[in-house]
């Protein structure tokens, strides 16, 4: 067992204090018990509720006298000077502003005994005072690999089957592999609970379980603040046009997921979607996650900024680290130019934030695909657009007549209207210059008007809504044309 060997190496090096940050207390006890048996060491465990007991603990045996309080247990260990392993659960809160406790730990750690004595401090979060850093080491338990996760899933399936008179859990090999892939990075205890919940819900493990499983996994990792889990993604069919972009994604899906002949290729790193406002860039970013069947995370750069020096960069690094824990996933950064626009009065924070992001984009190894969107090219730093950080820059232009007709059909179906009952080609003709967002709002406006008249929307309702809309391409014609002129020859057309 690798964990037993790794912990044994730390103890053999003579480290008296070992910190183990984890929620899996039972797994720690099993691990340390294995090591104690292998080394013929005595083992004790302590908690504030149970006191100090010799392991394996007998519920009928009272704790060692005077060891329920933290000061008492350390005093007992120091005076007894008995070799062995002492596992102390949730001990770290007693070390804050407690010089006597720190002194007791230093006395124990610096004792010279014929046989070693080791204290293992276990808890979800263990911060030691600076005085103890040189006497301690940290041990991180390995996360379950694919084989361990598959074994775990099969154990839970057998448990459900035994409780349901031998019925089999409905699943397939491909669905099982997708479930296992999305459990990577989750501790064993939490992975088991997630699998058990999915199986006992309906007696099946299917791809329909993935969104809920990923959301629960996100919450377990405590991804909060600047990183948001987007439960609703999109399918490529929900996006009108963008033919080249969709084909580009299809070519790279296997490489990103590490499957088939593309398994040895470097995974795609990301794209920048540049285009006119309302042209469908954000929807396209959502569609990446939907097409590849991976979680979608949205990074809200605005919440990262902090008035204290260095804290903004620290927040960004934490957000990116947390996103890597959800890999494989898509990280969506909407309107990235607004977040990285350098200001003259921010003390260089924007430049440092840009440097932090650029370093991560170039050096990351986790399967995190960045889908960044932008409207104003003049505000984008040139360093961001260098190949190697992002794979490609796609320009999302205003839709042509054929794409507008597709978008009308998509929006009508979303509102339970049959596109066959409308002349979508005519609607596309009269909506020249409309973006996808403007087409959607025209359909919504027509549906509101029809609902007020207590009937379903008709062709003439759509035509009136279109006639009453002035698209951005007319209102800001100069800015839109300047963006299109810049993109010509510099970007890849998404359609």
Protein backbone atom coordinates (compact mmCIF):
# COMPACT_ATOMS: atom_id res chain seq x y z
CA UNK A 1 0.00 0.00 0.00
CA UNK A 2 1.76 3.21 -1.15
CA UNK A 3 0.41 5.36 1.68
CA UNK A 4 1.82 2.99 4.31
CA UNK A 5 5.22 3.06 2.64
CA UNK A 6 5.23 6.87 2.24
CA UNK A 7 4.23 7.51 5.85
CA UNK A 8 6.81 4.96 7.02
CA UNK A 9 9.55 6.80 5.15
CA UNK A 10 8.61 10.07 6.85
CA UNK A 11 8.70 8.46 10.28
CA UNK A 12 11.97 6.65 9.54
CA UNK A 13 13.57 10.01 8.80
CA UNK A 14 13.10 10.90 12.48
CA UNK A 15 10.36 13.53 12.17
CA UNK A 16 8.61 13.65 15.57
CA UNK A 17 5.49 15.61 14.48
CA UNK A 18 3.50 14.67 11.38
CA UNK A 19 0.54 16.74 10.16
CA UNK A 20 -2.18 15.00 8.12
CA UNK A 21 -4.88 17.29 6.72
CA UNK A 22 -7.94 15.23 5.83
CA UNK A 23 -11.60 14.63 6.59
CA UNK A 24 -11.10 10.85 6.40
CA UNK A 25 -10.35 10.01 10.03
CA UNK A 26 -11.26 6.33 9.70
CA UNK A 27 -8.94 5.94 6.74
CA UNK A 28 -6.09 7.51 8.75
CA UNK A 29 -6.70 5.06 11.59
CA UNK A 30 -6.64 2.13 9.18
CA UNK A 31 -3.43 3.41 7.58
CA UNK A 32 -1.61 4.00 10.87
CA UNK A 33 -2.82 0.65 12.24
CA UNK A 34 -1.30 -1.12 9.23
CA UNK A 35 1.98 0.67 9.83
CA UNK A 36 1.97 -0.05 13.57
CA UNK A 37 1.36 -3.76 12.94
CA UNK A 38 4.09 -3.90 10.28
CA UNK A 39 6.62 -2.17 12.58
CA UNK A 40 5.43 -3.78 15.85
CA UNK A 41 4.78 -0.32 17.30
CA UNK A 42 2.31 0.57 20.04
CA UNK A 43 -0.48 2.86 18.83
CA UNK A 44 -2.74 5.32 20.67
CA UNK A 45 -5.52 7.65 19.53
CA UNK A 46 -6.88 10.78 21.21
CA UNK A 47 -9.87 13.08 20.78
CA UNK A 48 -11.41 15.65 23.08
CA UNK A 49 -14.47 13.41 23.56
CA UNK A 50 -12.76 10.04 24.02
CA UNK A 51 -9.44 10.91 25.67
CA UNK A 52 -6.29 8.86 25.04
CA UNK A 53 -6.90 5.18 24.27
CA UNK A 54 -4.71 2.37 23.10
CA UNK A 55 -5.61 1.01 19.66
CA UNK A 56 -7.45 -1.06 18.73
CA UNK A 57 -9.82 0.71 21.11
CA UNK A 58 -12.33 -1.22 23.21
CA UNK A 59 -15.51 0.84 23.75
CA UNK A 60 -15.82 -0.62 27.27
CA UNK A 61 -12.29 0.43 28.28
CA UNK A 62 -12.10 3.90 29.84
CA UNK A 63 -9.48 6.38 28.56
CA UNK A 64 -6.19 6.82 30.36
CA UNK A 65 -6.84 8.91 33.47
CA UNK A 66 -6.29 12.64 33.08
CA UNK A 67 -6.00 12.65 29.28
CA UNK A 68 -9.32 14.10 28.12
CA UNK A 69 -7.99 17.66 28.17
CA UNK A 70 -5.30 18.58 25.62
CA UNK A 71 -2.82 19.74 28.28
CA UNK A 72 -3.36 16.51 30.17
CA UNK A 73 -2.67 14.22 27.22
CA UNK A 74 0.56 16.03 26.30
CA UNK A 75 1.70 15.94 29.89
CA UNK A 76 1.00 12.20 30.06
CA UNK A 77 2.87 11.52 26.78
CA UNK A 78 5.86 13.56 27.93
CA UNK A 79 6.08 11.93 31.34
CA UNK A 80 5.36 8.38 30.17
CA UNK A 81 7.95 8.68 27.41
CA UNK A 82 6.52 5.50 25.90
CA UNK A 83 7.54 4.81 22.31
CA UNK A 84 4.82 4.44 19.70
CA UNK A 85 2.42 6.28 17.44
CA UNK A 86 0.03 8.84 18.94
CA UNK A 87 -2.79 9.96 16.64
CA UNK A 88 -4.33 13.21 17.92
CA UNK A 89 -7.57 14.26 16.19
CA UNK A 90 -8.50 17.97 15.89
CA UNK A 91 -5.67 19.06 18.15
CA UNK A 92 -4.61 22.15 16.23
CA UNK A 93 -7.19 24.61 17.71
CA UNK A 94 -5.56 24.16 21.11
CA UNK A 95 -2.22 25.45 19.80
CA UNK A 96 -3.41 28.95 18.90
CA UNK A 97 -2.07 31.49 21.41
CA UNK A 98 -1.13 28.68 23.78
CA UNK A 99 2.59 28.91 24.66
CA UNK A 100 2.32 26.09 27.25
CA UNK A 101 0.92 23.66 24.66
CA UNK A 102 3.62 24.59 22.18
CA UNK A 103 6.28 24.07 24.85
CA UNK A 104 4.88 20.63 25.74
CA UNK A 105 4.97 19.60 22.09
CA UNK A 106 8.55 20.83 21.74
CA UNK A 107 9.56 18.89 24.87
CA UNK A 108 8.02 15.69 23.50
CA UNK A 109 9.52 16.19 20.04
CA UNK A 110 13.02 16.74 21.43
CA UNK A 111 13.09 13.82 23.84
CA UNK A 112 15.84 11.26 23.25
CA UNK A 113 14.32 7.79 23.62
CA UNK A 114 15.60 4.28 22.81
CA UNK A 115 12.67 3.78 20.46
CA UNK A 116 10.89 6.48 18.44
CA UNK A 117 7.81 8.35 19.59
CA UNK A 118 5.75 10.11 16.92
CA UNK A 119 2.77 12.45 17.22
CA UNK A 120 0.38 12.53 14.27
CA UNK A 121 -1.88 15.60 14.24
CA UNK A 122 -4.98 14.88 12.13
CA UNK A 123 -7.72 17.30 11.09
CA UNK A 124 -9.41 18.95 8.11
CA UNK A 125 -7.12 21.96 8.53
CA UNK A 126 -3.95 21.94 10.65
CA UNK A 127 -1.87 25.08 10.98
CA UNK A 128 1.10 24.78 13.32
CA UNK A 129 2.78 27.66 15.15
CA UNK A 130 6.06 28.74 13.60
CA UNK A 131 8.03 27.29 16.53
CA UNK A 132 6.98 23.77 15.48
CA UNK A 133 7.71 23.98 11.75
CA UNK A 134 11.27 22.64 11.97
CA UNK A 135 10.11 19.67 14.05
CA UNK A 136 7.27 18.66 11.74
CA UNK A 137 6.44 17.31 8.31
CA UNK A 138 3.23 17.07 6.34
CA UNK A 139 1.86 13.85 4.92
CA UNK A 140 -0.74 13.90 2.13
CA UNK A 141 -2.75 10.74 1.56
CA UNK A 142 -2.97 9.69 -2.04
CA UNK A 143 -6.24 10.17 -3.87
CA UNK A 144 -7.78 7.02 -5.34
CA UNK A 145 -6.63 6.20 -8.86
CA UNK A 146 -8.85 4.91 -11.68
CA UNK A 147 -8.48 1.27 -10.56
CA UNK A 148 -9.41 2.13 -6.96
CA UNK A 149 -12.40 4.18 -8.11
CA UNK A 150 -13.65 1.37 -10.35
CA UNK A 151 -13.32 -1.08 -7.46
CA UNK A 152 -15.24 1.35 -5.24
CA UNK A 153 -18.04 1.71 -7.80
CA UNK A 154 -18.36 -2.06 -8.15
CA UNK A 155 -18.50 -2.50 -4.36
CA UNK A 156 -21.33 0.01 -4.10
CA UNK A 157 -23.13 -1.64 -7.03
CA UNK A 158 -22.86 -5.04 -5.32
CA UNK A 159 -24.17 -3.53 -2.07
CA UNK A 160 -27.21 -2.10 -3.88
CA UNK A 161 -27.75 -5.40 -5.71
CA UNK A 162 -27.67 -7.37 -2.44
CA UNK A 163 -30.33 -5.06 -0.99
CA UNK A 164 -32.56 -5.46 -4.06
CA UNK A 165 -32.71 -9.25 -4.41
CA UNK A 166 -29.87 -9.53 -6.90
CA UNK A 167 -31.05 -6.83 -9.31
CA UNK A 168 -28.23 -5.36 -11.40
CA UNK A 169 -27.28 -1.70 -11.46
CA UNK A 170 -28.02 -0.34 -14.93
CA UNK A 171 -24.88 1.03 -16.55
CA UNK A 172 -22.47 0.51 -19.44
CA UNK A 173 -18.72 0.42 -19.79
CA UNK A 174 -18.60 3.88 -21.36
CA UNK A 175 -20.86 5.40 -18.70
CA UNK A 176 -18.78 3.75 -15.97
CA UNK A 177 -15.57 5.23 -17.38
CA UNK A 178 -17.16 8.70 -17.54
CA UNK A 179 -18.26 8.41 -13.91
CA UNK A 180 -14.76 7.31 -12.85
CA UNK A 181 -13.14 10.12 -14.84
CA UNK A 182 -15.32 12.70 -13.12
CA UNK A 183 -14.50 11.29 -9.68
CA UNK A 184 -10.76 11.83 -10.09
CA UNK A 185 -9.40 14.21 -7.47
CA UNK A 186 -12.08 13.30 -4.90
CA UNK A 187 -11.06 11.58 -1.62
CA UNK A 188 -12.15 7.96 -1.30
CA UNK A 189 -14.75 8.55 1.40
CA UNK A 190 -16.43 11.35 -0.56
CA UNK A 191 -16.25 9.41 -3.85
CA UNK A 192 -17.98 6.46 -2.20
CA UNK A 193 -20.75 8.68 -0.88
CA UNK A 194 -21.31 10.30 -4.28
CA UNK A 195 -21.46 6.93 -6.05
CA UNK A 196 -23.78 5.49 -3.42
CA UNK A 197 -26.13 8.46 -3.77
CA UNK A 198 -26.22 8.13 -7.57
CA UNK A 199 -26.88 4.37 -7.49
CA UNK A 200 -29.52 4.39 -4.77
CA UNK A 201 -31.41 7.21 -6.47
CA UNK A 202 -32.59 5.09 -9.41
CA UNK A 203 -30.53 1.90 -9.49
CA UNK A 204 -28.44 3.16 -12.41
CA UNK A 205 -25.19 4.90 -13.26
CA UNK A 206 -25.65 6.84 -16.47
CA UNK A 207 -24.43 10.04 -18.06
CA UNK A 208 -27.54 11.73 -16.66
CA UNK A 209 -25.87 11.44 -13.23
CA UNK A 210 -22.82 13.45 -14.33
CA UNK A 211 -24.15 17.03 -13.86
CA UNK A 212 -25.36 16.31 -10.32
CA UNK A 213 -22.21 14.36 -9.50
CA UNK A 214 -20.00 17.20 -10.75
CA UNK A 215 -21.97 19.78 -8.79
CA UNK A 216 -21.56 17.73 -5.61
CA UNK A 217 -17.86 17.29 -6.38
CA UNK A 218 -17.56 21.07 -6.86
CA UNK A 219 -19.18 21.70 -3.49
CA UNK A 220 -16.88 19.17 -1.80
CA UNK A 221 -13.86 21.03 -3.14
CA UNK A 222 -15.34 24.25 -1.67
CA UNK A 223 -14.95 26.15 -4.92
CA UNK A 224 -16.55 29.44 -4.04
CA UNK A 225 -16.20 33.16 -4.51
CA UNK A 226 -14.63 33.83 -7.89
CA UNK A 227 -15.28 30.37 -9.39
CA UNK A 228 -18.87 29.38 -10.10
CA UNK A 229 -20.17 25.99 -11.17
CA UNK A 230 -22.48 26.34 -14.16
CA UNK A 231 -24.99 23.50 -14.03
CA UNK A 232 -26.59 24.54 -17.32
CA UNK A 233 -24.30 24.11 -20.32
CA UNK A 234 -25.31 24.04 -24.00
CA UNK A 235 -25.17 21.61 -26.87
CA UNK A 236 -23.58 22.48 -30.21
CA UNK A 237 -27.06 22.19 -31.76
CA UNK A 238 -28.19 25.03 -29.47
CA UNK A 239 -25.74 27.36 -31.20
CA UNK A 240 -26.58 28.64 -34.67
CA UNK A 241 -23.73 28.74 -37.16
CA UNK A 242 -20.08 28.66 -35.97
CA UNK A 243 -19.39 25.79 -38.35
CA UNK A 244 -15.57 26.06 -38.21
CA UNK A 245 -15.51 26.41 -34.45
CA UNK A 246 -17.68 23.33 -33.95
CA UNK A 247 -15.48 21.30 -36.32
CA UNK A 248 -12.37 22.48 -34.43
CA UNK A 249 -13.88 21.28 -31.15
CA UNK A 250 -14.87 17.91 -32.63
CA UNK A 251 -11.30 17.31 -33.85
CA UNK A 252 -9.84 17.92 -30.40
CA UNK A 253 -12.39 16.23 -28.15
CA UNK A 254 -10.59 12.88 -28.00
CA UNK A 255 -7.24 14.53 -27.25
CA UNK A 256 -8.74 16.58 -24.40
CA UNK A 257 -10.37 13.53 -22.85
CA UNK A 258 -7.31 11.34 -23.46
CA UNK A 259 -9.06 8.77 -25.62
CA UNK A 260 -8.32 6.80 -28.77
CA UNK A 261 -5.50 7.62 -31.17
CA UNK A 262 -5.35 11.17 -29.78
CA UNK A 263 -4.45 10.00 -26.26
CA UNK A 264 -0.74 10.81 -26.73
CA UNK A 265 -1.32 14.31 -28.08
CA UNK A 266 -1.09 17.38 -25.84
CA UNK A 267 -4.62 18.38 -24.79
CA UNK A 268 -6.00 21.60 -26.31
CA UNK A 269 -5.40 24.58 -24.05
CA UNK A 270 -8.11 27.05 -24.96
CA UNK A 271 -9.55 29.62 -27.32
CA UNK A 272 -10.31 33.32 -27.38
CA UNK A 273 -13.74 34.09 -28.84
CA UNK A 274 -13.70 37.63 -30.16
CA UNK A 275 -16.70 39.24 -31.74
CA UNK A 276 -19.59 41.65 -31.83
CA UNK A 277 -21.66 41.92 -28.67
CA UNK A 278 -24.57 39.49 -28.64
CA UNK A 279 -23.13 37.32 -31.41
CA UNK A 280 -23.18 34.15 -29.29
CA UNK A 281 -19.67 34.03 -27.79
CA UNK A 282 -20.85 33.14 -24.28
CA UNK A 283 -23.23 30.50 -25.63
CA UNK A 284 -20.35 29.05 -27.66
CA UNK A 285 -18.21 28.87 -24.52
CA UNK A 286 -20.99 26.96 -22.77
CA UNK A 287 -21.27 24.66 -25.76
CA UNK A 288 -17.65 23.54 -25.36
CA UNK A 289 -18.48 21.92 -22.03
CA UNK A 290 -21.71 20.49 -23.39
CA UNK A 291 -20.00 19.02 -26.47
CA UNK A 292 -17.22 17.40 -24.46
CA UNK A 293 -19.38 16.36 -21.50
CA UNK A 294 -17.19 18.00 -18.84
CA UNK A 295 -17.99 20.47 -16.03
CA UNK A 296 -18.26 24.18 -16.85
CA UNK A 297 -16.72 26.66 -14.41
CA UNK A 298 -17.05 30.42 -14.76
CA UNK A 299 -14.28 32.62 -13.41
CA UNK A 300 -15.54 35.99 -12.18
CA UNK A 301 -12.35 38.04 -12.37
CA UNK A 302 -13.95 41.10 -10.80
CA UNK A 303 -14.32 39.40 -7.42
CA UNK A 304 -10.59 38.61 -7.26
CA UNK A 305 -9.43 42.17 -6.75
CA UNK A 306 -8.44 43.16 -3.23
CA UNK A 307 -7.16 46.46 -1.86
CA UNK A 308 -4.20 44.82 -0.08
CA UNK A 309 -0.96 44.33 -1.97
CA UNK A 310 -0.53 40.84 -3.38
CA UNK A 311 -3.96 39.56 -2.32
CA UNK A 312 -5.50 39.87 -5.80
CA UNK A 313 -2.81 37.66 -7.31
CA UNK A 314 -3.16 35.21 -4.44
CA UNK A 315 -6.91 35.03 -5.04
CA UNK A 316 -6.34 34.35 -8.75
CA UNK A 317 -3.82 31.58 -8.03
CA UNK A 318 -6.25 29.97 -5.58
CA UNK A 319 -9.07 30.12 -8.13
CA UNK A 320 -6.90 28.53 -10.82
CA UNK A 321 -5.67 25.83 -8.43
CA UNK A 322 -9.24 24.99 -7.52
CA UNK A 323 -10.23 24.81 -11.18
CA UNK A 324 -7.41 22.29 -11.73
CA UNK A 325 -8.97 20.08 -9.07
CA UNK A 326 -12.09 19.86 -11.26
CA UNK A 327 -10.12 18.78 -14.34
CA UNK A 328 -11.12 17.81 -16.93
CA UNK A 329 -13.26 20.92 -17.21
CA UNK A 330 -13.88 24.10 -19.18
CA UNK A 331 -12.98 27.40 -17.50
CA UNK A 332 -15.07 30.22 -18.98
CA UNK A 333 -13.74 33.77 -18.59
CA UNK A 334 -16.34 36.18 -19.93
CA UNK A 335 -15.27 39.60 -21.26
CA UNK A 336 -11.68 39.00 -20.25
CA UNK A 337 -10.53 42.38 -21.54
CA UNK A 338 -12.46 44.19 -18.78
CA UNK A 339 -10.78 42.14 -16.08
CA UNK A 340 -7.24 42.66 -17.42
CA UNK A 341 -7.47 46.24 -18.65
CA UNK A 342 -4.57 48.02 -16.96
CA UNK A 343 -5.39 51.19 -15.12
CA UNK A 344 -2.98 53.94 -14.20
CA UNK A 345 -4.18 54.18 -10.62
CA UNK A 346 -4.30 50.51 -9.54
CA UNK A 347 -0.69 50.29 -8.37
CA UNK A 348 0.23 47.74 -11.02
CA UNK A 349 -2.33 45.19 -9.81
CA UNK A 350 -3.74 44.59 -13.29
CA UNK A 351 -0.27 43.94 -14.71
CA UNK A 352 0.56 41.49 -11.91
CA UNK A 353 -2.79 39.74 -12.40
CA UNK A 354 -2.03 39.46 -16.11
CA UNK A 355 1.40 38.01 -15.35
CA UNK A 356 -0.09 35.43 -13.00
CA UNK A 357 -2.68 34.39 -15.58
CA UNK A 358 -0.15 34.23 -18.43
CA UNK A 359 2.21 32.04 -16.41
CA UNK A 360 -0.60 29.63 -15.59
CA UNK A 361 -1.82 29.56 -19.18
CA UNK A 362 1.65 28.63 -20.40
CA UNK A 363 2.65 26.14 -17.69
CA UNK A 364 -0.51 24.35 -16.58
CA UNK A 365 -0.59 20.59 -17.07
CA UNK A 366 -4.12 19.85 -15.87
CA UNK A 367 -6.88 19.34 -18.46
CA UNK A 368 -8.47 22.77 -18.00
CA UNK A 369 -9.69 24.21 -21.31
CA UNK A 370 -9.98 28.01 -21.21
CA UNK A 371 -12.84 29.57 -23.17
CA UNK A 372 -12.33 33.33 -22.98
CA UNK A 373 -14.61 35.87 -24.65
CA UNK A 374 -13.89 39.49 -25.57
CA UNK A 375 -15.66 42.37 -27.29
CA UNK A 376 -12.99 45.10 -27.42
CA UNK A 377 -9.76 43.94 -29.08
CA UNK A 378 -7.95 47.22 -28.40
CA UNK A 379 -8.13 46.53 -24.66
CA UNK A 380 -6.59 43.07 -24.88
CA UNK A 381 -2.90 42.78 -23.92
CA UNK A 382 -0.87 41.38 -26.84
CA UNK A 383 0.83 38.85 -24.54
CA UNK A 384 -2.48 37.06 -24.07
CA UNK A 385 -2.86 36.27 -27.76
CA UNK A 386 0.48 34.54 -28.23
CA UNK A 387 0.22 30.91 -29.41
CA UNK A 388 1.03 28.44 -26.65
CA UNK A 389 -1.15 30.14 -24.10
CA UNK A 390 -4.32 29.78 -26.14
CA UNK A 391 -4.62 27.62 -29.22
CA UNK A 392 -6.67 29.88 -31.46
CA UNK A 393 -8.51 33.17 -31.78
CA UNK A 394 -11.94 32.79 -33.37
CA UNK A 395 -13.91 35.76 -34.64
CA UNK A 396 -17.66 35.43 -34.11
CA UNK A 397 -19.23 37.74 -36.69
CA UNK A 398 -22.84 38.76 -37.12
CA UNK A 399 -24.79 35.82 -38.56
CA UNK A 400 -25.57 35.68 -42.26
CA UNK A 401 -29.07 34.96 -43.60
CA UNK A 402 -28.76 31.16 -43.40
CA UNK A 403 -27.47 31.26 -39.83
CA UNK A 404 -30.15 33.77 -38.83
CA UNK A 405 -32.79 31.36 -40.12
CA UNK A 406 -31.23 28.59 -37.98
CA UNK A 407 -31.22 30.85 -34.93
CA UNK A 408 -34.90 31.72 -35.44
CA UNK A 409 -35.70 27.98 -35.61
CA UNK A 410 -33.70 27.32 -32.42
CA UNK A 411 -35.40 30.14 -30.52
CA UNK A 412 -38.86 29.08 -31.69
CA UNK A 413 -38.29 25.50 -30.54
CA UNK A 414 -37.09 26.76 -27.14
CA UNK A 415 -40.54 28.36 -26.74
CA UNK A 416 -42.48 25.29 -27.86
CA UNK A 417 -43.27 26.82 -31.27
CA UNK A 418 -42.95 24.73 -34.44
CA UNK A 419 -40.52 26.40 -36.88
CA UNK A 420 -42.44 24.74 -39.73
CA UNK A 421 -45.29 27.14 -38.99
CA UNK A 422 -43.07 30.16 -39.70
CA UNK A 423 -41.20 31.43 -42.72
CA UNK A 424 -37.76 31.52 -41.08
CA UNK A 425 -36.09 32.50 -44.36
CA UNK A 426 -38.28 35.63 -44.55
CA UNK A 427 -37.62 36.45 -40.89
CA UNK A 428 -33.90 36.11 -41.60
CA UNK A 429 -34.21 38.46 -44.60
CA UNK A 430 -35.90 41.26 -42.65
CA UNK A 431 -33.49 40.91 -39.71
CA UNK A 432 -30.36 41.85 -41.65
CA UNK A 433 -27.62 42.98 -39.23
CA UNK A 434 -29.21 41.33 -36.18
CA UNK A 435 -27.04 39.42 -33.72
CA UNK A 436 -28.13 36.14 -32.15
CA UNK A 437 -29.08 37.92 -28.90
CA UNK A 438 -31.18 40.46 -30.81
CA UNK A 439 -32.99 37.67 -32.66
CA UNK A 440 -33.74 35.97 -29.37
CA UNK A 441 -35.14 39.17 -27.87
CA UNK A 442 -37.28 39.75 -30.96
CA UNK A 443 -38.79 36.27 -30.56
CA UNK A 444 -39.34 36.88 -26.84
CA UNK A 445 -40.99 40.24 -27.53
CA UNK A 446 -43.32 38.67 -30.11
CA UNK A 447 -44.27 35.91 -27.66
CA UNK A 448 -45.06 38.47 -24.94
CA UNK A 449 -47.34 40.38 -27.31
CA UNK A 450 -49.11 37.20 -28.39
CA UNK A 451 -49.52 36.04 -24.78
CA UNK A 452 -51.15 39.37 -23.92
CA UNK A 453 -53.65 38.71 -26.72
CA UNK A 454 -54.16 35.18 -25.34
CA UNK A 455 -52.91 33.34 -28.42
CA UNK A 456 -49.73 31.81 -29.80
CA UNK A 457 -47.15 33.92 -31.59
CA UNK A 458 -47.47 34.21 -35.38
CA UNK A 459 -45.32 35.32 -38.29
CA UNK A 460 -46.68 38.87 -38.19
CA UNK A 461 -45.83 39.16 -34.48
CA UNK A 462 -42.24 38.29 -35.28
CA UNK A 463 -42.12 40.76 -38.15
CA UNK A 464 -43.44 43.61 -35.95
CA UNK A 465 -40.90 42.81 -33.21
CA UNK A 466 -38.08 42.83 -35.75
CA UNK A 467 -39.26 46.13 -37.27
CA UNK A 468 -39.30 47.70 -33.82
CA UNK A 469 -35.68 46.78 -33.06
CA UNK A 470 -32.60 48.79 -34.01
CA UNK A 471 -29.68 46.36 -33.99
CA UNK A 472 -26.28 47.24 -32.58
CA UNK A 473 -24.81 46.98 -36.06
CA UNK A 474 -26.79 50.12 -36.92
CA UNK A 475 -26.55 51.97 -33.60
CA UNK A 476 -22.76 51.50 -33.35
CA UNK A 477 -21.97 50.84 -36.99
CA UNK A 478 -18.49 52.44 -36.88
CA UNK A 479 -17.30 50.41 -33.86
CA UNK A 480 -18.68 47.15 -35.24
CA UNK A 481 -17.05 47.74 -38.63
CA UNK A 482 -13.71 48.62 -37.01
CA UNK A 483 -13.75 45.33 -35.08
CA UNK A 484 -14.58 43.37 -38.24
CA UNK A 485 -11.81 45.12 -40.16
CA UNK A 486 -9.26 44.29 -37.44
CA UNK A 487 -10.31 40.63 -37.33
CA UNK A 488 -9.88 40.25 -41.08
CA UNK A 489 -6.70 38.23 -41.61
CA UNK A 490 -5.82 38.19 -37.90
CA UNK A 491 -8.32 35.64 -36.60
CA UNK A 492 -10.04 32.46 -37.72
CA UNK A 493 -13.70 32.96 -38.73
CA UNK A 494 -15.87 30.89 -36.39
CA UNK A 495 -18.45 30.30 -39.13
